[in-house]
C-alpha atoms as a PDB file:
ATOM      1  CA  MET A   1     -49.644 -52.570  41.772  1.00  0.00           C
ATOM      2  CA  SER A   2     -53.864 -51.586  41.670  1.00  0.00           C
ATOM      3  CA  THR A   3     -56.207 -54.249  42.142  1.00  0.00           C
ATOM      4  CA  ILE A   4     -59.188 -55.218  40.132  1.00  0.00           C
ATOM      5  CA  LYS A   5     -61.617 -53.977  42.226  1.00  0.00           C
ATOM      6  CA  GLU A   6     -59.701 -50.447  42.748  1.00  0.00           C
ATOM      7  CA  ASN A   7     -59.550 -50.302  38.615  1.00  0.00           C
ATOM      8  CA  LEU A   8     -63.303 -50.700  38.441  1.00  0.00           C
ATOM      9  CA  LEU A   9     -63.871 -48.016  41.246  1.00  0.00           C
ATOM     10  CA  ASN A  10     -61.945 -45.669  39.216  1.00  0.00           C
ATOM     11  CA  ILE A  11     -63.390 -46.410  35.741  1.00  0.00           C
ATOM     12  CA  LYS A  12     -66.706 -45.862  37.243  1.00  0.00           C
ATOM     13  CA  GLN A  13     -66.074 -43.059  39.079  1.00  0.00           C
ATOM     14  CA  SER A  14     -64.402 -41.499  35.398  1.00  0.00           C
ATOM     15  CA  LEU A  15     -67.982 -42.684  33.583  1.00  0.00           C
ATOM     16  CA  PRO A  16     -71.324 -40.243  33.785  1.00  0.00           C
ATOM     17  CA  GLU A  17     -74.014 -42.430  35.547  1.00  0.00           C
ATOM     18  CA  GLU A  18     -75.929 -43.152  32.492  1.00  0.00           C
ATOM     19  CA  VAL A  19     -72.878 -44.721  30.552  1.00  0.00           C
ATOM     20  CA  THR A  20     -73.182 -48.630  31.019  1.00  0.00           C
ATOM     21  CA  LEU A  21     -69.814 -50.313  31.715  1.00  0.00           C
ATOM     22  CA  VAL A  22     -68.536 -53.887  30.015  1.00  0.00           C
ATOM     23  CA  ALA A  23     -65.705 -55.301  31.827  1.00  0.00           C
ATOM     24  CA  VAL A  24     -63.945 -57.334  28.943  1.00  0.00           C
ATOM     25  CA  SER A  25     -62.984 -60.451  30.265  1.00  0.00           C
ATOM     26  CA  LYS A  26     -61.475 -62.503  27.654  1.00  0.00           C
ATOM     27  CA  THR A  27     -58.664 -64.730  27.957  1.00  0.00           C
ATOM     28  CA  LYS A  28     -58.847 -63.846  31.683  1.00  0.00           C
ATOM     29  CA  PRO A  29     -59.639 -66.494  34.481  1.00  0.00           C
ATOM     30  CA  ILE A  30     -62.787 -67.180  36.179  1.00  0.00           C
ATOM     31  CA  ALA A  31     -60.653 -65.990  39.363  1.00  0.00           C
ATOM     32  CA  ASP A  32     -60.494 -63.060  37.743  1.00  0.00           C
ATOM     33  CA  LEU A  33     -63.703 -62.324  36.737  1.00  0.00           C
ATOM     34  CA  GLN A  34     -65.321 -63.700  40.386  1.00  0.00           C
ATOM     35  CA  GLU A  35     -63.361 -60.304  41.718  1.00  0.00           C
ATOM     36  CA  ALA A  36     -64.693 -58.107  39.778  1.00  0.00           C
ATOM     37  CA  TYR A  37     -68.019 -59.667  40.370  1.00  0.00           C
ATOM     38  CA  ASN A  38     -67.645 -58.976  44.467  1.00  0.00           C
ATOM     39  CA  ALA A  39     -66.418 -55.414  43.541  1.00  0.00           C
ATOM     40  CA  GLY A  40     -70.271 -55.214  41.737  1.00  0.00           C
ATOM     41  CA  GLN A  41     -69.472 -55.321  38.119  1.00  0.00           C
ATOM     42  CA  ARG A  42     -72.512 -57.436  36.790  1.00  0.00           C
ATOM     43  CA  ILE A  43     -71.737 -57.254  32.716  1.00  0.00           C
ATOM     44  CA  PHE A  44     -69.067 -59.371  31.030  1.00  0.00           C
ATOM     45  CA  GLY A  45     -67.904 -58.814  27.734  1.00  0.00           C
ATOM     46  CA  GLU A  46     -66.462 -62.248  25.600  1.00  0.00           C
ATOM     47  CA  ASN A  47     -65.151 -62.535  22.235  1.00  0.00           C
ATOM     48  CA  LYS A  48     -65.070 -66.312  21.659  1.00  0.00           C
ATOM     49  CA  ILE A  49     -68.357 -68.254  22.848  1.00  0.00           C
ATOM     50  CA  GLN A  50     -66.865 -71.561  23.737  1.00  0.00           C
ATOM     51  CA  GLU A  51     -64.754 -69.286  26.562  1.00  0.00           C
ATOM     52  CA  MET A  52     -68.083 -67.618  27.398  1.00  0.00           C
ATOM     53  CA  VAL A  53     -70.270 -70.477  27.648  1.00  0.00           C
ATOM     54  CA  GLU A  54     -67.619 -72.319  29.974  1.00  0.00           C
ATOM     55  CA  LYS A  55     -67.757 -68.617  32.068  1.00  0.00           C
ATOM     56  CA  TYR A  56     -71.455 -68.449  32.051  1.00  0.00           C
ATOM     57  CA  GLU A  57     -71.377 -72.154  33.641  1.00  0.00           C
ATOM     58  CA  ALA A  58     -68.649 -71.228  36.220  1.00  0.00           C
ATOM     59  CA  LEU A  59     -70.200 -67.830  37.619  1.00  0.00           C
ATOM     60  CA  PRO A  60     -73.288 -66.633  38.984  1.00  0.00           C
ATOM     61  CA  LYS A  61     -76.240 -66.412  37.050  1.00  0.00           C
ATOM     62  CA  ASP A  62     -77.260 -63.118  37.835  1.00  0.00           C
ATOM     63  CA  ILE A  63     -74.254 -61.801  35.092  1.00  0.00           C
ATOM     64  CA  LYS A  64     -75.441 -60.379  31.518  1.00  0.00           C
ATOM     65  CA  TRP A  65     -73.222 -61.670  28.871  1.00  0.00           C
ATOM     66  CA  HIS A  66     -72.151 -59.495  26.194  1.00  0.00           C
ATOM     67  CA  MET A  67     -70.636 -61.350  23.153  1.00  0.00           C
ATOM     68  CA  ILE A  68     -68.555 -58.213  21.776  1.00  0.00           C
ATOM     69  CA  GLY A  69     -66.111 -60.631  19.086  1.00  0.00           C
ATOM     70  CA  HIS A  70     -66.945 -60.881  15.328  1.00  0.00           C
ATOM     71  CA  LEU A  71     -69.560 -63.715  15.396  1.00  0.00           C
ATOM     72  CA  GLN A  72     -69.435 -66.911  13.311  1.00  0.00           C
ATOM     73  CA  SER A  73     -73.505 -67.578  12.605  1.00  0.00           C
ATOM     74  CA  ASN A  74     -72.755 -71.767  13.262  1.00  0.00           C
ATOM     75  CA  LYS A  75     -71.470 -70.647  17.001  1.00  0.00           C
ATOM     76  CA  VAL A  76     -74.880 -68.915  18.220  1.00  0.00           C
ATOM     77  CA  LYS A  77     -76.864 -71.922  19.068  1.00  0.00           C
ATOM     78  CA  TYR A  78     -74.167 -72.104  21.924  1.00  0.00           C
ATOM     79  CA  MET A  79     -74.993 -68.677  23.411  1.00  0.00           C
ATOM     80  CA  ALA A  80     -78.710 -68.466  22.635  1.00  0.00           C
ATOM     81  CA  HIS A  81     -80.286 -69.789  26.000  1.00  0.00           C
ATOM     82  CA  PHE A  82     -78.009 -66.898  27.994  1.00  0.00           C
ATOM     83  CA  VAL A  83     -76.360 -64.295  26.235  1.00  0.00           C
ATOM     84  CA  ASP A  84     -77.848 -60.822  27.033  1.00  0.00           C
ATOM     85  CA  LEU A  85     -76.567 -58.641  23.939  1.00  0.00           C
ATOM     86  CA  ILE A  86     -74.619 -59.221  20.997  1.00  0.00           C
ATOM     87  CA  HIS A  87     -72.606 -56.483  19.960  1.00  0.00           C
ATOM     88  CA  GLY A  88     -70.875 -56.933  16.635  1.00  0.00           C
ATOM     89  CA  VAL A  89     -73.884 -57.744  14.325  1.00  0.00           C
ATOM     90  CA  ASP A  90     -72.773 -57.053  10.508  1.00  0.00           C
ATOM     91  CA  LYS A  91     -74.815 -59.406   8.031  1.00  0.00           C
ATOM     92  CA  PHE A  92     -78.633 -59.798   7.921  1.00  0.00           C
ATOM     93  CA  SER A  93     -77.913 -63.714   7.808  1.00  0.00           C
ATOM     94  CA  THR A  94     -76.535 -63.387  11.106  1.00  0.00           C
ATOM     95  CA  LEU A  95     -79.553 -61.537  12.497  1.00  0.00           C
ATOM     96  CA  LYS A  96     -81.657 -64.713  10.819  1.00  0.00           C
ATOM     97  CA  GLU A  97     -79.505 -67.376  12.779  1.00  0.00           C
ATOM     98  CA  ILE A  98     -80.131 -65.070  16.050  1.00  0.00           C
ATOM     99  CA  ASN A  99     -83.634 -64.813  15.238  1.00  0.00           C
ATOM    100  CA  LYS A 100     -83.813 -68.859  15.027  1.00  0.00           C
ATOM    101  CA  GLN A 101     -82.041 -69.796  17.946  1.00  0.00           C
ATOM    102  CA  ALA A 102     -84.033 -67.495  20.083  1.00  0.00           C
ATOM    103  CA  LYS A 103     -86.951 -68.649  19.187  1.00  0.00           C
ATOM    104  CA  LYS A 104     -85.956 -72.392  20.326  1.00  0.00           C
ATOM    105  CA  HIS A 105     -85.439 -70.594  23.524  1.00  0.00           C
ATOM    106  CA  ASN A 106     -88.676 -69.113  23.298  1.00  0.00           C
ATOM    107  CA  ARG A 107     -86.450 -65.626  24.320  1.00  0.00           C
ATOM    108  CA  ILE A 108     -85.562 -62.291  22.255  1.00  0.00           C
ATOM    109  CA  ILE A 109     -81.953 -61.454  22.071  1.00  0.00           C
ATOM    110  CA  ASN A 110     -81.369 -57.903  21.922  1.00  0.00           C
ATOM    111  CA  CYS A 111     -78.385 -57.022  19.322  1.00  0.00           C
ATOM    112  CA  LEU A 112     -76.299 -53.996  18.063  1.00  0.00           C
ATOM    113  CA  LEU A 113     -75.339 -53.704  14.178  1.00  0.00           C
ATOM    114  CA  GLN A 114     -71.594 -52.995  14.093  1.00  0.00           C
ATOM    115  CA  ALA A 115     -70.690 -49.729  11.927  1.00  0.00           C
ATOM    116  CA  LYS A 116     -67.578 -49.570   9.983  1.00  0.00           C
ATOM    117  CA  ILE A 117     -66.621 -46.379  11.526  1.00  0.00           C
ATOM    118  CA  ALA A 118     -62.807 -47.036  11.460  1.00  0.00           C
ATOM    119  CA  LYS A 119     -60.387 -46.280   8.109  1.00  0.00           C
ATOM    120  CA  GLU A 120     -58.544 -49.682   8.714  1.00  0.00           C
ATOM    121  CA  GLU A 121     -59.243 -52.484   5.849  1.00  0.00           C
ATOM    122  CA  THR A 122     -59.196 -55.294   8.705  1.00  0.00           C
ATOM    123  CA  LYS A 123     -61.996 -53.899  10.862  1.00  0.00           C
ATOM    124  CA  PHE A 124     -65.671 -55.586  10.408  1.00  0.00           C
ATOM    125  CA  GLY A 125     -68.656 -53.341   9.782  1.00  0.00           C
ATOM    126  CA  LEU A 126     -71.858 -52.145   7.626  1.00  0.00           C
ATOM    127  CA  SER A 127     -71.632 -48.893   6.140  1.00  0.00           C
ATOM    128  CA  PHE A 128     -74.634 -46.172   7.073  1.00  0.00           C
ATOM    129  CA  LYS A 129     -76.162 -47.368   4.187  1.00  0.00           C
ATOM    130  CA  ASP A 130     -76.269 -50.906   4.673  1.00  0.00           C
ATOM    131  CA  ILE A 131     -77.697 -50.277   7.916  1.00  0.00           C
ATOM    132  CA  GLU A 132     -80.311 -48.324   6.635  1.00  0.00           C
ATOM    133  CA  THR A 133     -81.214 -51.093   3.970  1.00  0.00           C
ATOM    134  CA  ILE A 134     -81.450 -53.394   7.294  1.00  0.00           C
ATOM    135  CA  LEU A 135     -83.590 -51.548   9.381  1.00  0.00           C
ATOM    136  CA  SER A 136     -86.059 -50.394   6.453  1.00  0.00           C
ATOM    137  CA  SER A 137     -86.580 -53.687   5.004  1.00  0.00           C
ATOM    138  CA  GLU A 138     -89.737 -55.964   5.463  1.00  0.00           C
ATOM    139  CA  GLU A 139     -87.378 -59.029   6.264  1.00  0.00           C
ATOM    140  CA  ILE A 140     -86.213 -57.818   9.636  1.00  0.00           C
ATOM    141  CA  LYS A 141     -90.008 -57.430  10.948  1.00  0.00           C
ATOM    142  CA  GLU A 142     -90.234 -61.336  10.419  1.00  0.00           C
ATOM    143  CA  LEU A 143     -87.495 -61.473  12.912  1.00  0.00           C
ATOM    144  CA  GLU A 144     -89.484 -61.582  15.897  1.00  0.00           C
ATOM    145  CA  ASN A 145     -86.675 -63.012  18.213  1.00  0.00           C
ATOM    146  CA  ILE A 146     -84.459 -60.372  17.479  1.00  0.00           C
ATOM    147  CA  LYS A 147     -84.153 -56.818  19.131  1.00  0.00           C
ATOM    148  CA  ILE A 148     -81.991 -54.469  17.656  1.00  0.00           C
ATOM    149  CA  VAL A 149     -81.538 -51.751  20.153  1.00  0.00           C
ATOM    150  CA  GLY A 150     -78.392 -49.245  18.130  1.00  0.00           C
ATOM    151  CA  PHE A 151     -75.465 -49.816  17.304  1.00  0.00           C
ATOM    152  CA  MET A 152     -71.689 -50.395  17.774  1.00  0.00           C
ATOM    153  CA  GLY A 153     -68.548 -48.898  16.339  1.00  0.00           C
ATOM    154  CA  MET A 154     -64.445 -49.200  16.508  1.00  0.00           C
ATOM    155  CA  ALA A 155     -62.205 -46.548  15.711  1.00  0.00           C
ATOM    156  CA  THR A 156     -59.106 -46.721  14.035  1.00  0.00           C
ATOM    157  CA  PHE A 157     -55.975 -47.769  15.882  1.00  0.00           C
ATOM    158  CA  THR A 158     -54.365 -44.559  16.295  1.00  0.00           C
ATOM    159  CA  ASP A 159     -53.245 -41.839  18.661  1.00  0.00           C
ATOM    160  CA  ASN A 160     -54.958 -38.840  16.345  1.00  0.00           C
ATOM    161  CA  GLN A 161     -57.276 -38.030  18.890  1.00  0.00           C
ATOM    162  CA  LYS A 162     -59.309 -35.737  16.373  1.00  0.00           C
ATOM    163  CA  GLN A 163     -59.803 -38.829  14.002  1.00  0.00           C
ATOM    164  CA  LEU A 164     -61.141 -40.826  16.950  1.00  0.00           C
ATOM    165  CA  ALA A 165     -63.582 -38.045  17.727  1.00  0.00           C
ATOM    166  CA  GLU A 166     -64.331 -37.689  14.526  1.00  0.00           C
ATOM    167  CA  GLU A 167     -65.270 -41.545  14.021  1.00  0.00           C
ATOM    168  CA  PHE A 168     -67.247 -41.700  17.048  1.00  0.00           C
ATOM    169  CA  LEU A 169     -69.203 -38.624  16.414  1.00  0.00           C
ATOM    170  CA  SER A 170     -69.812 -39.794  12.702  1.00  0.00           C
ATOM    171  CA  LEU A 171     -71.755 -42.886  14.507  1.00  0.00           C
ATOM    172  CA  LYS A 172     -73.160 -40.798  16.890  1.00  0.00           C
ATOM    173  CA  THR A 173     -75.004 -38.541  14.391  1.00  0.00           C
ATOM    174  CA  PHE A 174     -76.297 -42.017  12.377  1.00  0.00           C
ATOM    175  CA  PHE A 175     -77.555 -43.345  15.676  1.00  0.00           C
ATOM    176  CA  ASP A 176     -79.438 -40.079  16.824  1.00  0.00           C
ATOM    177  CA  ASN A 177     -80.503 -39.955  13.239  1.00  0.00           C
ATOM    178  CA  GLN A 178     -81.647 -43.162  13.491  1.00  0.00           C
ATOM    179  CA  GLN A 179     -83.550 -42.786  16.882  1.00  0.00           C
ATOM    180  CA  GLN A 180     -86.208 -40.489  15.578  1.00  0.00           C
ATOM    181  CA  THR A 181     -87.670 -43.112  13.236  1.00  0.00           C
ATOM    182  CA  THR A 182     -86.918 -46.321  15.795  1.00  0.00           C
ATOM    183  CA  ASN A 183     -87.769 -45.785  19.445  1.00  0.00           C
ATOM    184  CA  SER A 184     -86.150 -48.908  20.667  1.00  0.00           C
ATOM    185  CA  PHE A 185     -82.684 -47.552  20.170  1.00  0.00           C
ATOM    186  CA  ASN A 186     -81.067 -46.765  23.286  1.00  0.00           C
ATOM    187  CA  THR A 187     -77.754 -48.459  23.147  1.00  0.00           C
ATOM    188  CA  LEU A 188     -74.077 -46.825  21.229  1.00  0.00           C
ATOM    189  CA  SER A 189     -71.146 -48.921  22.218  1.00  0.00           C
ATOM    190  CA  MET A 190     -68.309 -47.025  21.309  1.00  0.00           C
ATOM    191  CA  GLY A 191     -64.853 -46.905  23.166  1.00  0.00           C
ATOM    192  CA  MET A 192     -62.571 -49.379  24.645  1.00  0.00           C
ATOM    193  CA  SER A 193     -59.454 -48.925  27.298  1.00  0.00           C
ATOM    194  CA  GLY A 194     -57.293 -46.455  25.015  1.00  0.00           C
ATOM    195  CA  ASP A 195     -60.164 -43.994  23.711  1.00  0.00           C
ATOM    196  CA  TYR A 196     -63.286 -44.831  26.053  1.00  0.00           C
ATOM    197  CA  LEU A 197     -63.285 -41.446  27.859  1.00  0.00           C
ATOM    198  CA  LEU A 198     -63.296 -39.792  24.131  1.00  0.00           C
ATOM    199  CA  ALA A 199     -65.927 -41.760  22.919  1.00  0.00           C
ATOM    200  CA  VAL A 200     -68.366 -40.987  25.803  1.00  0.00           C
ATOM    201  CA  LYS A 201     -67.782 -36.975  25.261  1.00  0.00           C
ATOM    202  CA  ASN A 202     -68.770 -38.271  21.859  1.00  0.00           C
ATOM    203  CA  GLY A 203     -71.968 -39.674  22.764  1.00  0.00           C
ATOM    204  CA  SER A 204     -71.228 -43.743  23.498  1.00  0.00           C
ATOM    205  CA  THR A 205     -73.542 -44.910  25.923  1.00  0.00           C
ATOM    206  CA  MET A 206     -71.896 -47.906  26.053  1.00  0.00           C
ATOM    207  CA  VAL A 207     -67.901 -48.679  26.445  1.00  0.00           C
ATOM    208  CA  ARG A 208     -65.869 -52.143  26.686  1.00  0.00           C
ATOM    209  CA  VAL A 209     -63.135 -51.702  29.361  1.00  0.00           C
ATOM    210  CA  GLY A 210     -60.582 -54.860  29.776  1.00  0.00           C
ATOM    211  CA  SER A 211     -57.056 -54.429  29.877  1.00  0.00           C
ATOM    212  CA  SER A 212     -57.643 -50.807  32.222  1.00  0.00           C
ATOM    213  CA  ILE A 213     -59.414 -53.256  34.505  1.00  0.00           C
ATOM    214  CA  PHE A 214     -57.860 -56.493  34.550  1.00  0.00           C
ATOM    215  CA  GLY A 215     -54.405 -56.010  33.176  1.00  0.00           C
ATOM    216  CA  ASN A 216     -52.732 -56.873  30.042  1.00  0.00           C
ATOM    217  CA  ARG A 217     -54.483 -59.876  28.173  1.00  0.00           C
ATOM    218  CA  ASN A 218     -52.500 -63.163  27.876  1.00  0.00           C
ATOM    219  CA  TYR A 219     -52.664 -64.072  24.347  1.00  0.00           C
ATOM    220  CA  ASN A 220     -50.852 -67.005  24.927  1.00  0.00           C
ATOM    221  CA  GLN A 221     -53.429 -69.132  26.109  1.00  0.00           C
END
């Protein structure tokens, strides 16, 4: 059985230098994260704020913590003092809450707007039109304690490589178009353990990989 260190090394070798690897550590014990940290990993993604807070308090402070799960506005306050990037923002009201909590800590919090590119109804996300409306609104200019740095997208859960490629490419095209008018955009978060290489091929600059690093998750915890 390969170790976390070996898994990390193999994945990093498969990625272009300019692509950022987020180690998705949800449900994993602190010892596993420490092993990944010792192997050089500094960016970790969690989907539950309470779990992320506990790990933040227990682990070295040079770790960058990414919130990758669906976000409840009332929980933002618990991570506002340390979170580095929030991936899945799909409501303007959530942006307002992040801004409010960031202001309390005199911070600017980086955010990604989550675009709905999957064909599944269960996936969260904004339409491209909704995103354009948010980005062009006067209200967004008033939120001085957040910085929208790009987009996040989750593809359909399917083995159909053509469909996956089309979904990734649709967001990459939209990202490129938006980048022409907004020079703060530098992050396109697409791809997970099963499809990250295809996502990178279609323009992803950040991948979220969990089981390929840490092994399968224990959902009974």
